[in-house]
């Protein structure tokens, strides 16, 4: 009886969510800002390119579902700021991520009951509403699992971006020493190298010329979109410094040295953590070996 009641409640909740998705909400300030931010982030270009690469029914369903979920999120003003920044760093579309999360949850909803049914057929069944609780827990975990993987990859890419920013500052300082102005020095430095981070900086500076904003405002927007604090701090420093060549050059060199020291400290910290992990693993192995040696003697003493 409890299982039937819970199943009916779950079906009713799914029907309610489906109806809510089909009802178009009223336009408000949050939804308008969310749509503007989504358009500025270039989500439409990415999703259209993804739509051209759709192969098979599953990919087509994933693309359609992602577009629908993204439209609903924008219409209701749901920002998903952290998720969007991680996706921007990885250069992945927001719609595809939403569809992947839903597909993972649906996969858990199908897979877990099958596993529980097989266990029940083997005589290892669980009583009451435990199967429903396990299924819902697995669905929640599967729904947030892509976020965990994305966060780790995005943090690795941000560390790579910070390393490139340090080299970029050195190049800008060299161009300033050669007599170029600050905007020209920024653009010239960004053209050196084909790294993805340098390409993103170059694209942001080129877009700044098209839309009529300063290069440091463009870099501040890029830092906000990618979640890179160092880039936003650099943009603030450039905006305050103006066109004072020598002071800007010294400030850029100091910031580049500071970024390298911070990166070196992070590397040393991770190396120390790995050394401690290896030490703990060695201690556990020694303890297990001593237990292996002493267990027969202890059994013999206790048996006598």
C-alpha atoms as a PDB file:
ATOM      1  CA  UNK A   1       0.000   0.000   0.000  1.00  0.00           C
ATOM      2  CA  UNK A   2       2.808   2.361   0.909  1.00  0.00           C
ATOM      3  CA  UNK A   3       4.610   1.567  -2.349  1.00  0.00           C
ATOM      4  CA  UNK A   4       1.472   2.259  -4.416  1.00  0.00           C
ATOM      5  CA  UNK A   5       0.877   5.563  -2.605  1.00  0.00           C
ATOM      6  CA  UNK A   6       4.457   6.691  -3.162  1.00  0.00           C
ATOM      7  CA  UNK A   7       4.360   5.687  -6.838  1.00  0.00           C
ATOM      8  CA  UNK A   8       1.169   7.669  -7.372  1.00  0.00           C
ATOM      9  CA  UNK A   9       2.687  10.715  -5.686  1.00  0.00           C
ATOM     10  CA  UNK A  10       5.775  10.453  -7.897  1.00  0.00           C
ATOM     11  CA  UNK A  11       3.641  10.220 -11.047  1.00  0.00           C
ATOM     12  CA  UNK A  12       1.588  13.208  -9.906  1.00  0.00           C
ATOM     13  CA  UNK A  13       4.745  15.224  -9.303  1.00  0.00           C
ATOM     14  CA  UNK A  14       6.015  14.384 -12.788  1.00  0.00           C
ATOM     15  CA  UNK A  15       2.702  15.433 -14.341  1.00  0.00           C
ATOM     16  CA  UNK A  16       2.768  18.705 -12.392  1.00  0.00           C
ATOM     17  CA  UNK A  17       6.312  19.492 -13.553  1.00  0.00           C
ATOM     18  CA  UNK A  18       5.342  18.679 -17.154  1.00  0.00           C
ATOM     19  CA  UNK A  19       2.379  21.053 -17.013  1.00  0.00           C
ATOM     20  CA  UNK A  20       4.543  23.761 -15.458  1.00  0.00           C
ATOM     21  CA  UNK A  21       7.053  23.424 -18.290  1.00  0.00           C
ATOM     22  CA  UNK A  22       4.314  23.724 -20.914  1.00  0.00           C
ATOM     23  CA  UNK A  23       2.898  26.913 -19.356  1.00  0.00           C
ATOM     24  CA  UNK A  24       4.736  29.981 -20.607  1.00  0.00           C
ATOM     25  CA  UNK A  25       5.583  32.235 -17.631  1.00  0.00           C
ATOM     26  CA  UNK A  26       5.056  35.956 -17.683  1.00  0.00           C
ATOM     27  CA  UNK A  27       7.987  38.066 -18.781  1.00  0.00           C
ATOM     28  CA  UNK A  28       9.724  39.870 -15.938  1.00  0.00           C
ATOM     29  CA  UNK A  29      12.987  41.629 -15.263  1.00  0.00           C
ATOM     30  CA  UNK A  30      14.851  38.454 -14.240  1.00  0.00           C
ATOM     31  CA  UNK A  31      13.805  36.516 -17.332  1.00  0.00           C
ATOM     32  CA  UNK A  32      14.725  39.420 -19.626  1.00  0.00           C
ATOM     33  CA  UNK A  33      18.175  39.798 -18.044  1.00  0.00           C
ATOM     34  CA  UNK A  34      18.734  36.020 -18.261  1.00  0.00           C
ATOM     35  CA  UNK A  35      17.891  35.992 -21.970  1.00  0.00           C
ATOM     36  CA  UNK A  36      20.230  38.949 -22.621  1.00  0.00           C
ATOM     37  CA  UNK A  37      23.065  37.263 -20.706  1.00  0.00           C
ATOM     38  CA  UNK A  38      22.497  33.990 -22.561  1.00  0.00           C
ATOM     39  CA  UNK A  39      22.662  35.794 -25.890  1.00  0.00           C
ATOM     40  CA  UNK A  40      25.791  37.708 -24.899  1.00  0.00           C
ATOM     41  CA  UNK A  41      27.488  34.465 -23.866  1.00  0.00           C
ATOM     42  CA  UNK A  42      27.199  33.167 -27.399  1.00  0.00           C
ATOM     43  CA  UNK A  43      24.992  30.228 -26.445  1.00  0.00           C
ATOM     44  CA  UNK A  44      22.997  30.439 -29.667  1.00  0.00           C
ATOM     45  CA  UNK A  45      26.035  29.949 -31.879  1.00  0.00           C
ATOM     46  CA  UNK A  46      27.232  26.962 -29.921  1.00  0.00           C
ATOM     47  CA  UNK A  47      23.879  25.206 -29.841  1.00  0.00           C
ATOM     48  CA  UNK A  48      23.238  25.753 -33.534  1.00  0.00           C
ATOM     49  CA  UNK A  49      26.624  24.231 -34.343  1.00  0.00           C
ATOM     50  CA  UNK A  50      25.772  21.339 -32.052  1.00  0.00           C
ATOM     51  CA  UNK A  51      22.460  20.933 -33.860  1.00  0.00           C
ATOM     52  CA  UNK A  52      24.278  20.574 -37.171  1.00  0.00           C
ATOM     53  CA  UNK A  53      26.380  17.757 -35.696  1.00  0.00           C
ATOM     54  CA  UNK A  54      23.386  15.784 -34.417  1.00  0.00           C
ATOM     55  CA  UNK A  55      23.629  12.139 -35.396  1.00  0.00           C
ATOM     56  CA  UNK A  56      20.919   9.638 -34.548  1.00  0.00           C
ATOM     57  CA  UNK A  57      17.726   9.795 -32.566  1.00  0.00           C
ATOM     58  CA  UNK A  58      19.345   9.993 -29.129  1.00  0.00           C
ATOM     59  CA  UNK A  59      21.481  12.996 -30.061  1.00  0.00           C
ATOM     60  CA  UNK A  60      18.496  14.683 -31.663  1.00  0.00           C
ATOM     61  CA  UNK A  61      16.357  14.107 -28.579  1.00  0.00           C
ATOM     62  CA  UNK A  62      19.174  15.402 -26.379  1.00  0.00           C
ATOM     63  CA  UNK A  63      19.521  18.517 -28.499  1.00  0.00           C
ATOM     64  CA  UNK A  64      15.762  19.193 -28.532  1.00  0.00           C
ATOM     65  CA  UNK A  65      15.389  18.617 -24.802  1.00  0.00           C
ATOM     66  CA  UNK A  66      18.381  20.828 -24.056  1.00  0.00           C
ATOM     67  CA  UNK A  67      16.993  23.669 -26.154  1.00  0.00           C
ATOM     68  CA  UNK A  68      13.652  23.392 -24.399  1.00  0.00           C
ATOM     69  CA  UNK A  69      15.184  23.324 -20.920  1.00  0.00           C
ATOM     70  CA  UNK A  70      17.427  26.282 -21.697  1.00  0.00           C
ATOM     71  CA  UNK A  71      14.466  28.293 -22.999  1.00  0.00           C
ATOM     72  CA  UNK A  72      12.481  27.514 -19.854  1.00  0.00           C
ATOM     73  CA  UNK A  73      15.407  28.423 -17.596  1.00  0.00           C
ATOM     74  CA  UNK A  74      15.913  31.743 -19.390  1.00  0.00           C
ATOM     75  CA  UNK A  75      12.183  32.493 -19.358  1.00  0.00           C
ATOM     76  CA  UNK A  76      12.009  31.994 -15.588  1.00  0.00           C
ATOM     77  CA  UNK A  77      15.174  33.966 -14.875  1.00  0.00           C
ATOM     78  CA  UNK A  78      17.237  31.051 -13.535  1.00  0.00           C
ATOM     79  CA  UNK A  79      20.821  32.240 -13.836  1.00  0.00           C
ATOM     80  CA  UNK A  80      22.872  29.061 -13.110  1.00  0.00           C
ATOM     81  CA  UNK A  81      25.860  31.378 -12.757  1.00  0.00           C
ATOM     82  CA  UNK A  82      28.426  28.848 -11.531  1.00  0.00           C
ATOM     83  CA  UNK A  83      27.357  26.244 -14.073  1.00  0.00           C
ATOM     84  CA  UNK A  84      27.454  28.743 -16.933  1.00  0.00           C
ATOM     85  CA  UNK A  85      30.939  29.912 -15.948  1.00  0.00           C
ATOM     86  CA  UNK A  86      32.239  26.350 -15.844  1.00  0.00           C
ATOM     87  CA  UNK A  87      30.688  25.638 -19.232  1.00  0.00           C
ATOM     88  CA  UNK A  88      32.171  28.859 -20.634  1.00  0.00           C
ATOM     89  CA  UNK A  89      35.638  27.765 -19.522  1.00  0.00           C
ATOM     90  CA  UNK A  90      35.129  24.360 -21.150  1.00  0.00           C
ATOM     91  CA  UNK A  91      33.494  25.966 -24.231  1.00  0.00           C
ATOM     92  CA  UNK A  92      30.466  23.684 -23.923  1.00  0.00           C
ATOM     93  CA  UNK A  93      26.825  24.601 -24.598  1.00  0.00           C
ATOM     94  CA  UNK A  94      24.474  25.141 -21.677  1.00  0.00           C
ATOM     95  CA  UNK A  95      21.572  23.334 -23.342  1.00  0.00           C
ATOM     96  CA  UNK A  96      23.571  20.139 -23.853  1.00  0.00           C
ATOM     97  CA  UNK A  97      24.586  20.141 -20.178  1.00  0.00           C
ATOM     98  CA  UNK A  98      20.988  20.463 -18.994  1.00  0.00           C
ATOM     99  CA  UNK A  99      19.908  17.599 -21.249  1.00  0.00           C
ATOM    100  CA  UNK A 100      22.790  15.448 -20.028  1.00  0.00           C
ATOM    101  CA  UNK A 101      21.775  15.998 -16.407  1.00  0.00           C
ATOM    102  CA  UNK A 102      18.183  15.011 -17.133  1.00  0.00           C
ATOM    103  CA  UNK A 103      19.255  11.936 -19.123  1.00  0.00           C
ATOM    104  CA  UNK A 104      21.520  10.821 -16.276  1.00  0.00           C
ATOM    105  CA  UNK A 105      18.615  11.103 -13.833  1.00  0.00           C
ATOM    106  CA  UNK A 106      16.283   9.203 -16.156  1.00  0.00           C
ATOM    107  CA  UNK A 107      18.929   6.519 -16.641  1.00  0.00           C
ATOM    108  CA  UNK A 108      19.191   6.081 -12.876  1.00  0.00           C
ATOM    109  CA  UNK A 109      15.392   5.913 -12.618  1.00  0.00           C
ATOM    110  CA  UNK A 110      15.381   3.030 -15.111  1.00  0.00           C
ATOM    111  CA  UNK A 111      18.550   1.222 -14.062  1.00  0.00           C
ATOM    112  CA  UNK A 112      18.174   1.180 -10.265  1.00  0.00           C
ATOM    113  CA  UNK A 113      14.693  -0.466 -10.201  1.00  0.00           C
ATOM    114  CA  UNK A 114      15.975  -3.160 -12.580  1.00  0.00           C
ATOM    115  CA  UNK A 115      18.908  -3.875 -10.257  1.00  0.00           C
ATOM    116  CA  UNK A 116      16.622  -3.948  -7.223  1.00  0.00           C
ATOM    117  CA  UNK A 117      14.252  -6.311  -9.040  1.00  0.00           C
ATOM    118  CA  UNK A 118      17.129  -8.676  -9.826  1.00  0.00           C
ATOM    119  CA  UNK A 119      18.232  -8.620  -6.191  1.00  0.00           C
ATOM    120  CA  UNK A 120      14.663  -9.356  -5.129  1.00  0.00           C
ATOM    121  CA  UNK A 121      14.532 -12.286  -7.546  1.00  0.00           C
ATOM    122  CA  UNK A 122      17.710 -13.658  -5.972  1.00  0.00           C
ATOM    123  CA  UNK A 123      16.193 -13.421  -2.507  1.00  0.00           C
ATOM    124  CA  UNK A 124      17.875 -10.217  -1.348  1.00  0.00           C
ATOM    125  CA  UNK A 125      14.821  -7.979  -1.461  1.00  0.00           C
ATOM    126  CA  UNK A 126      14.426  -4.897   0.730  1.00  0.00           C
ATOM    127  CA  UNK A 127      11.187  -4.101   2.560  1.00  0.00           C
ATOM    128  CA  UNK A 128       8.884  -1.103   2.507  1.00  0.00           C
ATOM    129  CA  UNK A 129       9.651   2.081   0.655  1.00  0.00           C
ATOM    130  CA  UNK A 130      13.412   1.449   0.590  1.00  0.00           C
ATOM    131  CA  UNK A 131      13.473   0.844  -3.205  1.00  0.00           C
ATOM    132  CA  UNK A 132      11.790   4.195  -3.826  1.00  0.00           C
ATOM    133  CA  UNK A 133      14.192   6.011  -1.496  1.00  0.00           C
ATOM    134  CA  UNK A 134      17.200   4.324  -3.116  1.00  0.00           C
ATOM    135  CA  UNK A 135      15.896   5.193  -6.589  1.00  0.00           C
ATOM    136  CA  UNK A 136      15.315   8.847  -5.696  1.00  0.00           C
ATOM    137  CA  UNK A 137      18.749   9.090  -4.094  1.00  0.00           C
ATOM    138  CA  UNK A 138      20.364   7.565  -7.165  1.00  0.00           C
ATOM    139  CA  UNK A 139      18.452   9.965  -9.417  1.00  0.00           C
ATOM    140  CA  UNK A 140      19.611  12.966  -7.375  1.00  0.00           C
ATOM    141  CA  UNK A 141      23.209  11.746  -7.430  1.00  0.00           C
ATOM    142  CA  UNK A 142      23.068  11.057 -11.182  1.00  0.00           C
ATOM    143  CA  UNK A 143      21.544  14.503 -11.800  1.00  0.00           C
ATOM    144  CA  UNK A 144      24.455  16.285 -10.080  1.00  0.00           C
ATOM    145  CA  UNK A 145      27.180  13.884 -11.246  1.00  0.00           C
ATOM    146  CA  UNK A 146      27.905  15.832 -14.482  1.00  0.00           C
ATOM    147  CA  UNK A 147      28.339  18.984 -12.375  1.00  0.00           C
ATOM    148  CA  UNK A 148      31.061  17.330 -10.283  1.00  0.00           C
ATOM    149  CA  UNK A 149      32.992  16.151 -13.337  1.00  0.00           C
ATOM    150  CA  UNK A 150      32.568  19.526 -15.038  1.00  0.00           C
ATOM    151  CA  UNK A 151      33.776  21.409 -11.957  1.00  0.00           C
ATOM    152  CA  UNK A 152      37.015  19.437 -11.774  1.00  0.00           C
ATOM    153  CA  UNK A 153      37.754  19.933 -15.466  1.00  0.00           C
ATOM    154  CA  UNK A 154      36.868  23.629 -15.286  1.00  0.00           C
ATOM    155  CA  UNK A 155      39.211  24.219 -12.344  1.00  0.00           C
ATOM    156  CA  UNK A 156      42.043  22.567 -14.270  1.00  0.00           C
ATOM    157  CA  UNK A 157      41.329  24.822 -17.247  1.00  0.00           C
ATOM    158  CA  UNK A 158      41.246  27.900 -15.019  1.00  0.00           C
ATOM    159  CA  UNK A 159      44.685  27.040 -13.644  1.00  0.00           C
ATOM    160  CA  UNK A 160      45.909  26.764 -17.225  1.00  0.00           C
ATOM    161  CA  UNK A 161      44.308  30.116 -18.013  1.00  0.00           C
ATOM    162  CA  UNK A 162      46.028  31.798 -15.047  1.00  0.00           C
ATOM    163  CA  UNK A 163      49.376  30.501 -16.279  1.00  0.00           C
ATOM    164  CA  UNK A 164      48.716  32.032 -19.699  1.00  0.00           C
ATOM    165  CA  UNK A 165      47.665  35.330 -18.101  1.00  0.00           C
ATOM    166  CA  UNK A 166      51.096  35.607 -16.464  1.00  0.00           C
ATOM    167  CA  UNK A 167      52.831  35.175 -19.821  1.00  0.00           C
ATOM    168  CA  UNK A 168      50.365  37.597 -21.422  1.00  0.00           C
ATOM    169  CA  UNK A 169      51.265  40.293 -18.892  1.00  0.00           C
ATOM    170  CA  UNK A 170      54.963  39.900 -19.683  1.00  0.00           C
ATOM    171  CA  UNK A 171      54.218  40.287 -23.384  1.00  0.00           C
ATOM    172  CA  UNK A 172      52.118  43.397 -22.763  1.00  0.00           C
ATOM    173  CA  UNK A 173      54.920  44.924 -20.693  1.00  0.00           C
ATOM    174  CA  UNK A 174      57.400  44.221 -23.498  1.00  0.00           C
ATOM    175  CA  UNK A 175      55.124  45.937 -26.037  1.00  0.00           C
ATOM    176  CA  UNK A 176      54.720  48.925 -23.738  1.00  0.00           C
ATOM    177  CA  UNK A 177      58.497  49.162 -23.449  1.00  0.00           C
ATOM    178  CA  UNK A 178      58.634  49.221 -27.253  1.00  0.00           C
ATOM    179  CA  UNK A 179      56.576  52.406 -27.365  1.00  0.00           C
ATOM    180  CA  UNK A 180      53.088  51.080 -28.101  1.00  0.00           C
ATOM    181  CA  UNK A 181      50.019  52.384 -26.344  1.00  0.00           C
ATOM    182  CA  UNK A 182      48.106  50.220 -23.921  1.00  0.00           C
ATOM    183  CA  UNK A 183      45.271  49.115 -26.278  1.00  0.00           C
ATOM    184  CA  UNK A 184      47.743  48.292 -29.055  1.00  0.00           C
ATOM    185  CA  UNK A 185      50.019  46.483 -26.620  1.00  0.00           C
ATOM    186  CA  UNK A 186      47.146  44.340 -25.361  1.00  0.00           C
ATOM    187  CA  UNK A 187      46.025  43.392 -28.859  1.00  0.00           C
ATOM    188  CA  UNK A 188      49.554  42.701 -30.110  1.00  0.00           C
ATOM    189  CA  UNK A 189      50.382  40.525 -27.106  1.00  0.00           C
ATOM    190  CA  UNK A 190      47.187  38.500 -27.610  1.00  0.00           C
ATOM    191  CA  UNK A 191      48.173  37.641 -31.189  1.00  0.00           C
ATOM    192  CA  UNK A 192      51.277  35.751 -30.011  1.00  0.00           C
ATOM    193  CA  UNK A 193      50.474  32.089 -29.541  1.00  0.00           C
ATOM    194  CA  UNK A 194      47.579  29.794 -30.454  1.00  0.00           C
ATOM    195  CA  UNK A 195      46.725  28.601 -26.953  1.00  0.00           C
ATOM    196  CA  UNK A 196      42.992  28.449 -26.243  1.00  0.00           C
ATOM    197  CA  UNK A 197      43.302  30.983 -23.411  1.00  0.00           C
ATOM    198  CA  UNK A 198      45.198  33.429 -25.608  1.00  0.00           C
ATOM    199  CA  UNK A 199      42.559  32.931 -28.305  1.00  0.00           C
ATOM    200  CA  UNK A 200      39.798  33.802 -25.808  1.00  0.00           C
ATOM    201  CA  UNK A 201      41.622  36.985 -24.789  1.00  0.00           C
ATOM    202  CA  UNK A 202      42.191  37.889 -28.432  1.00  0.00           C
ATOM    203  CA  UNK A 203      38.529  37.322 -29.238  1.00  0.00           C
ATOM    204  CA  UNK A 204      37.411  39.462 -26.277  1.00  0.00           C
ATOM    205  CA  UNK A 205      39.684  42.338 -27.342  1.00  0.00           C
ATOM    206  CA  UNK A 206      38.475  42.107 -30.939  1.00  0.00           C
ATOM    207  CA  UNK A 207      34.848  42.174 -29.789  1.00  0.00           C
ATOM    208  CA  UNK A 208      35.629  45.244 -27.685  1.00  0.00           C
ATOM    209  CA  UNK A 209      36.535  47.161 -30.828  1.00  0.00           C
ATOM    210  CA  UNK A 210      33.302  46.086 -32.530  1.00  0.00           C
ATOM    211  CA  UNK A 211      30.925  46.983 -29.710  1.00  0.00           C
ATOM    212  CA  UNK A 212      32.787  50.135 -28.680  1.00  0.00           C
ATOM    213  CA  UNK A 213      34.069  49.389 -25.169  1.00  0.00           C
ATOM    214  CA  UNK A 214      37.542  49.659 -23.695  1.00  0.00           C
ATOM    215  CA  UNK A 215      39.869  46.636 -23.753  1.00  0.00           C
ATOM    216  CA  UNK A 216      39.948  46.413 -19.958  1.00  0.00           C
ATOM    217  CA  UNK A 217      36.150  46.358 -19.827  1.00  0.00           C
ATOM    218  CA  UNK A 218      36.232  43.473 -22.287  1.00  0.00           C
ATOM    219  CA  UNK A 219      38.783  41.638 -20.150  1.00  0.00           C
ATOM    220  CA  UNK A 220      36.646  42.255 -17.059  1.00  0.00           C
ATOM    221  CA  UNK A 221      33.660  40.707 -18.844  1.00  0.00           C
ATOM    222  CA  UNK A 222      35.769  37.756 -19.913  1.00  0.00           C
ATOM    223  CA  UNK A 223      36.967  37.249 -16.348  1.00  0.00           C
ATOM    224  CA  UNK A 224      33.362  37.398 -15.125  1.00  0.00           C
ATOM    225  CA  UNK A 225      32.173  34.898 -17.742  1.00  0.00           C
ATOM    226  CA  UNK A 226      34.998  32.449 -17.035  1.00  0.00           C
ATOM    227  CA  UNK A 227      35.169  32.967 -13.278  1.00  0.00           C
ATOM    228  CA  UNK A 228      38.853  34.008 -13.339  1.00  0.00           C
ATOM    229  CA  UNK A 229      39.441  36.513 -10.545  1.00  0.00           C
ATOM    230  CA  UNK A 230      42.942  37.408 -11.709  1.00  0.00           C
ATOM    231  CA  UNK A 231      41.633  38.669 -15.041  1.00  0.00           C
ATOM    232  CA  UNK A 232      39.065  40.903 -13.355  1.00  0.00           C
ATOM    233  CA  UNK A 233      41.704  42.303 -10.992  1.00  0.00           C
ATOM    234  CA  UNK A 234      43.946  43.019 -13.972  1.00  0.00           C
ATOM    235  CA  UNK A 235      41.119  44.827 -15.756  1.00  0.00           C
ATOM    236  CA  UNK A 236      40.486  46.973 -12.667  1.00  0.00           C
ATOM    237  CA  UNK A 237      44.163  47.866 -12.428  1.00  0.00           C
ATOM    238  CA  UNK A 238      44.315  48.811 -16.109  1.00  0.00           C
ATOM    239  CA  UNK A 239      41.196  50.944 -15.810  1.00  0.00           C
ATOM    240  CA  UNK A 240      42.669  52.839 -12.847  1.00  0.00           C
ATOM    241  CA  UNK A 241      46.114  53.244 -14.341  1.00  0.00           C
ATOM    242  CA  UNK A 242      45.024  54.950 -17.563  1.00  0.00           C
ATOM    243  CA  UNK A 243      47.837  55.646 -19.997  1.00  0.00           C
ATOM    244  CA  UNK A 244      50.758  56.135 -17.610  1.00  0.00           C
ATOM    245  CA  UNK A 245      53.210  53.952 -19.503  1.00  0.00           C
ATOM    246  CA  UNK A 246      56.010  53.375 -17.010  1.00  0.00           C
ATOM    247  CA  UNK A 247      53.682  52.814 -14.058  1.00  0.00           C
ATOM    248  CA  UNK A 248      51.537  50.401 -16.051  1.00  0.00           C
ATOM    249  CA  UNK A 249      54.604  48.487 -17.180  1.00  0.00           C
ATOM    250  CA  UNK A 250      55.911  48.127 -13.633  1.00  0.00           C
ATOM    251  CA  UNK A 251      52.479  47.121 -12.364  1.00  0.00           C
ATOM    252  CA  UNK A 252      52.093  44.470 -15.068  1.00  0.00           C
ATOM    253  CA  UNK A 253      55.496  42.981 -14.356  1.00  0.00           C
ATOM    254  CA  UNK A 254      54.717  42.876 -10.631  1.00  0.00           C
ATOM    255  CA  UNK A 255      51.388  41.165 -11.278  1.00  0.00           C
ATOM    256  CA  UNK A 256      53.030  38.619 -13.579  1.00  0.00           C
ATOM    257  CA  UNK A 257      55.606  37.804 -10.896  1.00  0.00           C
ATOM    258  CA  UNK A 258      52.831  37.532  -8.305  1.00  0.00           C
ATOM    259  CA  UNK A 259      50.882  35.097 -10.498  1.00  0.00           C
ATOM    260  CA  UNK A 260      53.973  32.941 -10.978  1.00  0.00           C
ATOM    261  CA  UNK A 261      54.655  32.868  -7.241  1.00  0.00           C
ATOM    262  CA  UNK A 262      51.059  31.895  -6.557  1.00  0.00           C
ATOM    263  CA  UNK A 263      51.207  29.169  -9.181  1.00  0.00           C
ATOM    264  CA  UNK A 264      54.456  27.865  -7.733  1.00  0.00           C
ATOM    265  CA  UNK A 265      52.955  27.840  -4.228  1.00  0.00           C
ATOM    266  CA  UNK A 266      49.950  25.869  -5.505  1.00  0.00           C
ATOM    267  CA  UNK A 267      52.228  23.331  -7.173  1.00  0.00           C
ATOM    268  CA  UNK A 268      54.301  22.937  -4.022  1.00  0.00           C
ATOM    269  CA  UNK A 269      51.142  22.550  -1.942  1.00  0.00           C
ATOM    270  CA  UNK A 270      49.810  19.805  -4.199  1.00  0.00           C
ATOM    271  CA  UNK A 271      53.176  18.056  -4.136  1.00  0.00           C
ATOM    272  CA  UNK A 272      53.081  18.153  -0.323  1.00  0.00           C
ATOM    273  CA  UNK A 273      49.562  16.702  -0.297  1.00  0.00           C
ATOM    274  CA  UNK A 274      50.633  13.863  -2.568  1.00  0.00           C
ATOM    275  CA  UNK A 275      53.658  13.172  -0.365  1.00  0.00           C
ATOM    276  CA  UNK A 276      51.411  12.966   2.691  1.00  0.00           C
ATOM    277  CA  UNK A 277      49.047  10.644   0.814  1.00  0.00           C
ATOM    278  CA  UNK A 278      51.940   8.366  -0.082  1.00  0.00           C
ATOM    279  CA  UNK A 279      53.094   8.365   3.560  1.00  0.00           C
ATOM    280  CA  UNK A 280      49.625   7.410   4.781  1.00  0.00           C
ATOM    281  CA  UNK A 281      49.440   4.617   2.185  1.00  0.00           C
ATOM    282  CA  UNK A 282      52.809   3.271   3.327  1.00  0.00           C
ATOM    283  CA  UNK A 283      51.718   3.322   6.978  1.00  0.00           C
ATOM    284  CA  UNK A 284      48.515   1.444   6.114  1.00  0.00           C
ATOM    285  CA  UNK A 285      50.510  -1.173   4.184  1.00  0.00           C
ATOM    286  CA  UNK A 286      52.926  -1.613   7.125  1.00  0.00           C
ATOM    287  CA  UNK A 287      50.034  -1.980   9.554  1.00  0.00           C
ATOM    288  CA  UNK A 288      48.355  -4.554   7.314  1.00  0.00           C
ATOM    289  CA  UNK A 289      51.628  -6.498   6.991  1.00  0.00           C
ATOM    290  CA  UNK A 290      52.137  -6.530  10.763  1.00  0.00           C
ATOM    291  CA  UNK A 291      48.558  -7.721  11.219  1.00  0.00           C
ATOM    292  CA  UNK A 292      49.171 -10.452   8.650  1.00  0.00           C
ATOM    293  CA  UNK A 293      52.249 -11.615  10.558  1.00  0.00           C
ATOM    294  CA  UNK A 294      50.723 -11.408  14.001  1.00  0.00           C
ATOM    295  CA  UNK A 295      47.273 -12.838  13.294  1.00  0.00           C
ATOM    296  CA  UNK A 296      48.295 -16.568  13.209  1.00  0.00           C
ATOM    297  CA  UNK A 297      50.253 -16.222  16.442  1.00  0.00           C
ATOM    298  CA  UNK A 298      47.345 -14.442  18.133  1.00  0.00           C
ATOM    299  CA  UNK A 299      44.904 -17.149  16.995  1.00  0.00           C
ATOM    300  CA  UNK A 300      47.240 -19.862  18.275  1.00  0.00           C
ATOM    301  CA  UNK A 301      47.580 -18.185  21.678  1.00  0.00           C
ATOM    302  CA  UNK A 302      43.863 -17.591  22.060  1.00  0.00           C
ATOM    303  CA  UNK A 303      43.078 -21.122  20.879  1.00  0.00           C
ATOM    304  CA  UNK A 304      45.325 -22.708  23.459  1.00  0.00           C
END
